[in-house]
Amino acid sequence: QAEEEQARVLEEKRRDRALLARYPDRGSHDAERGEALKQVDEVVVLAQRRIDDLKAQRKAIDAEFEFYRHDPSKAPLALRMRRQDNLAAEQAQLRFIEEQAQEKKRINQRFDRELTRLNQLWGSAR
C-alpha cells in the first residue's frame, strides 16, 4: 500500500508539473480555453449553414408538393422520400448542434477544474 501511495503521489506531482509547463500563467490557460470553445463554435456555424441549405431545399420540395396539396398521397415516392430525407437531415443537424452545446459545457468544466488546481499551484510557486 505504501508503494501504491508513493506511486500515486509521484503521478500527481508529474501531472502538476505538466499542467504548470503547459499553462505558466492565467493568460495562457484562458487563451487555450478560448481556442477550444472557438473550434466548437466554428463547427456549429457550419451545421447552421447546413440547416439553412436544407431549408432552402425544403422550399423547393414544398413547391413541388404544392401540385399534390389536395391529395399528398398521390405525390411520387421519390418526392416524398426527398422531403422525408430533408427533414431527417435537419433533425440530425439540430441534434449535432445540441451535442456541441454539451461539448462546450464539458470544455468549460474541464478548464474550470484545471484553473482551480492551477490557482493552487501558482499560489504555492510564489
N, C-alpha and C. Protein backbone atom coordinates (compact mmCIF):
# COMPACT_ATOMS: atom_id res chain seq x y z
N GLN A 1 0.83 -1.21 0.00
CA GLN A 1 0.00 0.00 0.00
C GLN A 1 0.86 1.26 0.00
N ALA A 2 1.95 1.22 0.73
CA ALA A 2 2.84 2.38 0.79
C ALA A 2 3.42 2.67 -0.60
N GLU A 3 3.76 1.61 -1.33
CA GLU A 3 4.29 1.79 -2.68
C GLU A 3 3.23 2.39 -3.60
N GLU A 4 2.00 1.91 -3.46
CA GLU A 4 0.90 2.44 -4.28
C GLU A 4 0.68 3.92 -3.97
N GLU A 5 0.73 4.27 -2.70
CA GLU A 5 0.54 5.67 -2.30
C GLU A 5 1.68 6.53 -2.84
N GLN A 6 2.89 6.02 -2.75
CA GLN A 6 4.04 6.76 -3.27
C GLN A 6 3.93 6.94 -4.78
N ALA A 7 3.49 5.91 -5.49
CA ALA A 7 3.31 5.99 -6.94
C ALA A 7 2.23 7.00 -7.28
N ARG A 8 1.16 7.03 -6.49
CA ARG A 8 0.07 7.98 -6.72
C ARG A 8 0.56 9.41 -6.52
N VAL A 9 1.33 9.63 -5.46
CA VAL A 9 1.85 10.97 -5.18
C VAL A 9 2.81 11.42 -6.28
N LEU A 10 3.67 10.51 -6.73
CA LEU A 10 4.59 10.85 -7.82
C LEU A 10 3.83 11.17 -9.10
N GLU A 11 2.79 10.40 -9.40
CA GLU A 11 1.98 10.65 -10.59
C GLU A 11 1.29 12.01 -10.49
N GLU A 12 0.76 12.34 -9.32
CA GLU A 12 0.10 13.63 -9.12
C GLU A 12 1.09 14.78 -9.31
N LYS A 13 2.30 14.62 -8.79
CA LYS A 13 3.33 15.65 -8.96
C LYS A 13 3.71 15.80 -10.43
N ARG A 14 3.81 14.67 -11.14
CA ARG A 14 4.13 14.71 -12.57
C ARG A 14 3.04 15.46 -13.33
N ARG A 15 1.77 15.16 -13.01
CA ARG A 15 0.66 15.86 -13.67
C ARG A 15 0.68 17.35 -13.37
N ASP A 16 0.98 17.69 -12.12
CA ASP A 16 1.05 19.11 -11.74
C ASP A 16 2.15 19.83 -12.51
N ARG A 17 3.32 19.19 -12.64
CA ARG A 17 4.42 19.81 -13.40
C ARG A 17 4.02 19.99 -14.86
N ALA A 18 3.36 18.98 -15.41
CA ALA A 18 2.93 19.08 -16.81
C ALA A 18 1.90 20.21 -16.97
N LEU A 19 1.01 20.33 -16.02
CA LEU A 19 -0.01 21.39 -16.07
C LEU A 19 0.65 22.76 -15.99
N LEU A 20 1.62 22.92 -15.10
CA LEU A 20 2.33 24.20 -14.98
C LEU A 20 3.16 24.50 -16.23
N ALA A 21 3.74 23.47 -16.82
CA ALA A 21 4.52 23.69 -18.04
C ALA A 21 3.60 24.12 -19.18
N ARG A 22 2.44 23.55 -19.22
CA ARG A 22 1.51 23.88 -20.30
C ARG A 22 0.89 25.26 -20.09
N TYR A 23 0.60 25.59 -18.84
CA TYR A 23 -0.05 26.87 -18.51
C TYR A 23 0.78 27.61 -17.46
N PRO A 24 1.78 28.35 -17.88
CA PRO A 24 2.61 29.06 -16.91
C PRO A 24 1.88 30.24 -16.24
N ASP A 25 0.79 30.70 -16.86
CA ASP A 25 0.05 31.81 -16.27
C ASP A 25 -1.42 31.73 -16.68
N ARG A 26 -2.21 32.59 -16.10
CA ARG A 26 -3.66 32.60 -16.33
C ARG A 26 -3.99 32.91 -17.81
N GLY A 27 -3.22 33.79 -18.41
CA GLY A 27 -3.47 34.17 -19.79
C GLY A 27 -3.36 33.00 -20.75
N SER A 28 -2.37 32.15 -20.54
CA SER A 28 -2.20 31.00 -21.43
C SER A 28 -3.35 30.01 -21.26
N HIS A 29 -3.82 29.86 -20.04
CA HIS A 29 -4.96 28.97 -19.78
C HIS A 29 -6.23 29.53 -20.42
N ASP A 30 -6.46 30.81 -20.24
CA ASP A 30 -7.64 31.45 -20.83
C ASP A 30 -7.60 31.39 -22.36
N ALA A 31 -6.40 31.56 -22.93
CA ALA A 31 -6.26 31.52 -24.39
C ALA A 31 -6.61 30.13 -24.92
N GLU A 32 -6.15 29.10 -24.23
CA GLU A 32 -6.44 27.74 -24.71
C GLU A 32 -7.92 27.41 -24.55
N ARG A 33 -8.53 27.89 -23.46
CA ARG A 33 -9.97 27.69 -23.29
C ARG A 33 -10.71 28.36 -24.45
N GLY A 34 -10.33 29.59 -24.75
CA GLY A 34 -10.97 30.32 -25.83
C GLY A 34 -10.82 29.62 -27.17
N GLU A 35 -9.65 29.06 -27.41
CA GLU A 35 -9.41 28.35 -28.68
C GLU A 35 -10.27 27.09 -28.76
N ALA A 36 -10.38 26.36 -27.65
CA ALA A 36 -11.20 25.14 -27.64
C ALA A 36 -12.67 25.48 -27.90
N LEU A 37 -13.15 26.54 -27.28
CA LEU A 37 -14.54 26.95 -27.47
C LEU A 37 -14.76 27.49 -28.89
N LYS A 38 -13.75 28.17 -29.41
CA LYS A 38 -13.85 28.72 -30.78
C LYS A 38 -14.00 27.59 -31.80
N GLN A 39 -13.28 26.51 -31.61
CA GLN A 39 -13.37 25.38 -32.53
C GLN A 39 -14.79 24.80 -32.54
N VAL A 40 -15.38 24.69 -31.37
CA VAL A 40 -16.75 24.18 -31.29
C VAL A 40 -17.70 25.15 -31.98
N ASP A 41 -17.50 26.44 -31.74
CA ASP A 41 -18.37 27.45 -32.36
C ASP A 41 -18.28 27.41 -33.89
N GLU A 42 -17.08 27.17 -34.41
CA GLU A 42 -16.91 27.09 -35.86
C GLU A 42 -17.68 25.91 -36.44
N VAL A 43 -17.67 24.80 -35.74
CA VAL A 43 -18.41 23.61 -36.19
C VAL A 43 -19.91 23.89 -36.16
N VAL A 44 -20.36 24.60 -35.14
CA VAL A 44 -21.78 24.94 -35.03
C VAL A 44 -22.20 25.86 -36.17
N VAL A 45 -21.35 26.80 -36.54
CA VAL A 45 -21.65 27.69 -37.67
C VAL A 45 -21.84 26.87 -38.95
N LEU A 46 -20.97 25.89 -39.16
CA LEU A 46 -21.11 25.03 -40.34
C LEU A 46 -22.41 24.23 -40.30
N ALA A 47 -22.76 23.74 -39.14
CA ALA A 47 -24.01 22.99 -39.01
C ALA A 47 -25.21 23.90 -39.27
N GLN A 48 -25.14 25.13 -38.80
CA GLN A 48 -26.24 26.07 -39.03
C GLN A 48 -26.37 26.40 -40.52
N ARG A 49 -25.23 26.52 -41.19
CA ARG A 49 -25.26 26.75 -42.64
C ARG A 49 -25.92 25.58 -43.36
N ARG A 50 -25.60 24.38 -42.88
CA ARG A 50 -26.21 23.18 -43.48
C ARG A 50 -27.72 23.20 -43.26
N ILE A 51 -28.15 23.62 -42.09
CA ILE A 51 -29.60 23.73 -41.83
C ILE A 51 -30.22 24.74 -42.79
N ASP A 52 -29.55 25.86 -43.00
CA ASP A 52 -30.07 26.87 -43.92
C ASP A 52 -30.19 26.30 -45.34
N ASP A 53 -29.19 25.54 -45.76
CA ASP A 53 -29.25 24.89 -47.07
C ASP A 53 -30.42 23.92 -47.15
N LEU A 54 -30.60 23.14 -46.08
CA LEU A 54 -31.70 22.18 -46.06
C LEU A 54 -33.06 22.88 -46.13
N LYS A 55 -33.17 24.02 -45.46
CA LYS A 55 -34.43 24.77 -45.51
C LYS A 55 -34.70 25.29 -46.92
N ALA A 56 -33.65 25.73 -47.59
CA ALA A 56 -33.81 26.20 -48.97
C ALA A 56 -34.24 25.04 -49.87
N GLN A 57 -33.62 23.87 -49.65
CA GLN A 57 -34.02 22.70 -50.42
C GLN A 57 -35.47 22.31 -50.14
N ARG A 58 -35.86 22.44 -48.86
CA ARG A 58 -37.23 22.09 -48.49
C ARG A 58 -38.23 23.02 -49.15
N LYS A 59 -37.88 24.28 -49.33
CA LYS A 59 -38.78 25.20 -50.03
C LYS A 59 -39.04 24.70 -51.45
N ALA A 60 -37.97 24.25 -52.11
CA ALA A 60 -38.13 23.73 -53.47
C ALA A 60 -38.98 22.45 -53.46
N ILE A 61 -38.75 21.60 -52.48
CA ILE A 61 -39.54 20.37 -52.36
C ILE A 61 -41.01 20.71 -52.10
N ASP A 62 -41.22 21.66 -51.19
CA ASP A 62 -42.60 22.06 -50.87
C ASP A 62 -43.29 22.67 -52.09
N ALA A 63 -42.52 23.37 -52.91
CA ALA A 63 -43.10 23.95 -54.13
C ALA A 63 -43.56 22.83 -55.07
N GLU A 64 -42.78 21.76 -55.14
CA GLU A 64 -43.21 20.62 -55.96
C GLU A 64 -44.43 19.94 -55.33
N PHE A 65 -44.47 19.90 -54.03
CA PHE A 65 -45.60 19.27 -53.34
C PHE A 65 -46.89 20.07 -53.52
N GLU A 66 -46.76 21.33 -53.83
CA GLU A 66 -47.94 22.18 -53.98
C GLU A 66 -48.91 21.58 -55.01
N PHE A 67 -48.39 20.94 -56.02
CA PHE A 67 -49.22 20.32 -57.05
C PHE A 67 -50.10 19.20 -56.46
N TYR A 68 -49.62 18.59 -55.38
CA TYR A 68 -50.33 17.46 -54.76
C TYR A 68 -51.00 17.85 -53.43
N ARG A 69 -51.21 19.13 -53.21
CA ARG A 69 -51.72 19.58 -51.92
C ARG A 69 -53.10 19.01 -51.59
N HIS A 70 -53.91 18.73 -52.60
CA HIS A 70 -55.25 18.19 -52.33
C HIS A 70 -55.19 16.72 -51.93
N ASP A 71 -54.19 16.01 -52.44
CA ASP A 71 -54.03 14.60 -52.09
C ASP A 71 -52.54 14.27 -52.08
N PRO A 72 -51.87 14.56 -50.94
CA PRO A 72 -50.41 14.33 -50.84
C PRO A 72 -50.01 12.88 -51.10
N SER A 73 -50.95 11.95 -50.92
CA SER A 73 -50.60 10.55 -51.14
C SER A 73 -50.32 10.26 -52.62
N LYS A 74 -50.75 11.13 -53.50
CA LYS A 74 -50.51 10.93 -54.94
C LYS A 74 -49.16 11.49 -55.39
N ALA A 75 -48.46 12.10 -54.46
CA ALA A 75 -47.12 12.61 -54.80
C ALA A 75 -46.21 11.42 -55.09
N PRO A 76 -45.30 11.58 -56.03
CA PRO A 76 -44.38 10.48 -56.35
C PRO A 76 -43.56 10.08 -55.12
N LEU A 77 -43.26 8.81 -55.04
CA LEU A 77 -42.49 8.29 -53.91
C LEU A 77 -41.16 9.01 -53.78
N ALA A 78 -40.51 9.28 -54.89
CA ALA A 78 -39.21 9.96 -54.85
C ALA A 78 -39.34 11.34 -54.19
N LEU A 79 -40.40 12.05 -54.48
CA LEU A 79 -40.62 13.37 -53.88
C LEU A 79 -40.88 13.25 -52.39
N ARG A 80 -41.71 12.28 -52.02
CA ARG A 80 -41.99 12.06 -50.59
C ARG A 80 -40.71 11.67 -49.85
N MET A 81 -39.88 10.86 -50.47
CA MET A 81 -38.62 10.44 -49.85
C MET A 81 -37.66 11.63 -49.72
N ARG A 82 -37.60 12.49 -50.72
CA ARG A 82 -36.75 13.68 -50.63
C ARG A 82 -37.16 14.55 -49.46
N ARG A 83 -38.46 14.70 -49.30
CA ARG A 83 -38.98 15.52 -48.19
C ARG A 83 -38.61 14.87 -46.86
N GLN A 84 -38.83 13.57 -46.76
CA GLN A 84 -38.51 12.86 -45.52
C GLN A 84 -37.01 12.91 -45.22
N ASP A 85 -36.18 12.71 -46.23
CA ASP A 85 -34.72 12.77 -46.04
C ASP A 85 -34.28 14.17 -45.62
N ASN A 86 -34.91 15.18 -46.21
CA ASN A 86 -34.59 16.55 -45.87
C ASN A 86 -34.90 16.83 -44.40
N LEU A 87 -36.07 16.41 -43.96
CA LEU A 87 -36.46 16.63 -42.57
C LEU A 87 -35.54 15.86 -41.62
N ALA A 88 -35.20 14.63 -41.98
CA ALA A 88 -34.30 13.83 -41.14
C ALA A 88 -32.92 14.46 -41.05
N ALA A 89 -32.43 14.99 -42.16
CA ALA A 89 -31.12 15.64 -42.16
C ALA A 89 -31.13 16.88 -41.28
N GLU A 90 -32.22 17.63 -41.34
CA GLU A 90 -32.30 18.83 -40.49
C GLU A 90 -32.33 18.44 -39.01
N GLN A 91 -33.09 17.41 -38.68
CA GLN A 91 -33.14 16.95 -37.29
C GLN A 91 -31.76 16.49 -36.82
N ALA A 92 -31.03 15.81 -37.70
CA ALA A 92 -29.68 15.36 -37.36
C ALA A 92 -28.77 16.55 -37.08
N GLN A 93 -28.88 17.60 -37.87
CA GLN A 93 -28.07 18.80 -37.65
C GLN A 93 -28.44 19.48 -36.32
N LEU A 94 -29.72 19.51 -36.02
CA LEU A 94 -30.15 20.11 -34.75
C LEU A 94 -29.63 19.32 -33.55
N ARG A 95 -29.65 17.98 -33.67
CA ARG A 95 -29.09 17.14 -32.60
C ARG A 95 -27.59 17.40 -32.47
N PHE A 96 -26.92 17.52 -33.60
CA PHE A 96 -25.48 17.79 -33.59
C PHE A 96 -25.18 19.11 -32.89
N ILE A 97 -25.96 20.12 -33.17
CA ILE A 97 -25.76 21.42 -32.53
C ILE A 97 -25.96 21.30 -31.02
N GLU A 98 -26.96 20.54 -30.60
CA GLU A 98 -27.18 20.32 -29.16
C GLU A 98 -26.00 19.58 -28.54
N GLU A 99 -25.47 18.60 -29.25
CA GLU A 99 -24.29 17.89 -28.76
C GLU A 99 -23.10 18.83 -28.61
N GLN A 100 -22.98 19.77 -29.51
CA GLN A 100 -21.89 20.73 -29.43
C GLN A 100 -22.07 21.67 -28.23
N ALA A 101 -23.31 21.99 -27.90
CA ALA A 101 -23.56 22.79 -26.70
C ALA A 101 -23.12 22.02 -25.46
N GLN A 102 -23.38 20.72 -25.45
CA GLN A 102 -22.93 19.89 -24.33
C GLN A 102 -21.40 19.81 -24.30
N GLU A 103 -20.79 19.75 -25.47
CA GLU A 103 -19.33 19.71 -25.55
C GLU A 103 -18.73 21.00 -24.98
N LYS A 104 -19.35 22.14 -25.28
CA LYS A 104 -18.86 23.40 -24.71
C LYS A 104 -18.96 23.38 -23.19
N LYS A 105 -20.03 22.79 -22.70
CA LYS A 105 -20.20 22.70 -21.25
C LYS A 105 -19.08 21.84 -20.65
N ARG A 106 -18.78 20.70 -21.30
CA ARG A 106 -17.70 19.83 -20.82
C ARG A 106 -16.35 20.54 -20.87
N ILE A 107 -16.11 21.28 -21.95
CA ILE A 107 -14.85 22.03 -22.07
C ILE A 107 -14.71 23.02 -20.93
N ASN A 108 -15.77 23.78 -20.68
CA ASN A 108 -15.72 24.77 -19.59
C ASN A 108 -15.52 24.10 -18.24
N GLN A 109 -16.17 22.97 -18.01
CA GLN A 109 -15.99 22.26 -16.74
C GLN A 109 -14.54 21.80 -16.57
N ARG A 110 -13.97 21.26 -17.65
CA ARG A 110 -12.57 20.78 -17.57
C ARG A 110 -11.63 21.94 -17.28
N PHE A 111 -11.82 23.06 -18.01
CA PHE A 111 -10.94 24.20 -17.78
C PHE A 111 -11.16 24.81 -16.40
N ASP A 112 -12.38 24.77 -15.89
CA ASP A 112 -12.63 25.26 -14.53
C ASP A 112 -11.90 24.40 -13.50
N ARG A 113 -11.94 23.07 -13.69
CA ARG A 113 -11.20 22.17 -12.76
C ARG A 113 -9.71 22.44 -12.83
N GLU A 114 -9.20 22.58 -14.06
CA GLU A 114 -7.77 22.87 -14.21
C GLU A 114 -7.41 24.20 -13.56
N LEU A 115 -8.26 25.18 -13.75
CA LEU A 115 -7.97 26.51 -13.19
C LEU A 115 -7.93 26.47 -11.68
N THR A 116 -8.82 25.71 -11.08
CA THR A 116 -8.81 25.58 -9.61
C THR A 116 -7.47 25.03 -9.16
N ARG A 117 -7.02 23.96 -9.82
CA ARG A 117 -5.73 23.35 -9.46
C ARG A 117 -4.59 24.30 -9.78
N LEU A 118 -4.64 24.96 -10.92
CA LEU A 118 -3.57 25.88 -11.29
C LEU A 118 -3.46 27.05 -10.32
N ASN A 119 -4.58 27.55 -9.85
CA ASN A 119 -4.53 28.65 -8.87
C ASN A 119 -3.78 28.20 -7.62
N GLN A 120 -3.99 26.96 -7.20
CA GLN A 120 -3.25 26.43 -6.05
C GLN A 120 -1.75 26.34 -6.37
N LEU A 121 -1.44 25.82 -7.55
CA LEU A 121 -0.03 25.64 -7.94
C LEU A 121 0.67 26.99 -8.13
N TRP A 122 -0.02 27.92 -8.79
CA TRP A 122 0.58 29.24 -8.99
C TRP A 122 0.80 29.93 -7.64
N GLY A 123 -0.17 29.76 -6.73
CA GLY A 123 -0.05 30.38 -5.41
C GLY A 123 1.12 29.81 -4.63
N SER A 124 1.31 28.50 -4.70
CA SER A 124 2.41 27.89 -3.95
C SER A 124 3.77 28.16 -4.62
N ALA A 125 3.76 28.45 -5.92
CA ALA A 125 5.01 28.76 -6.63
C ALA A 125 5.52 30.14 -6.26
N ARG A 126 4.64 31.00 -5.79
CA ARG A 126 5.05 32.37 -5.46
C ARG A 126 5.72 32.38 -4.15
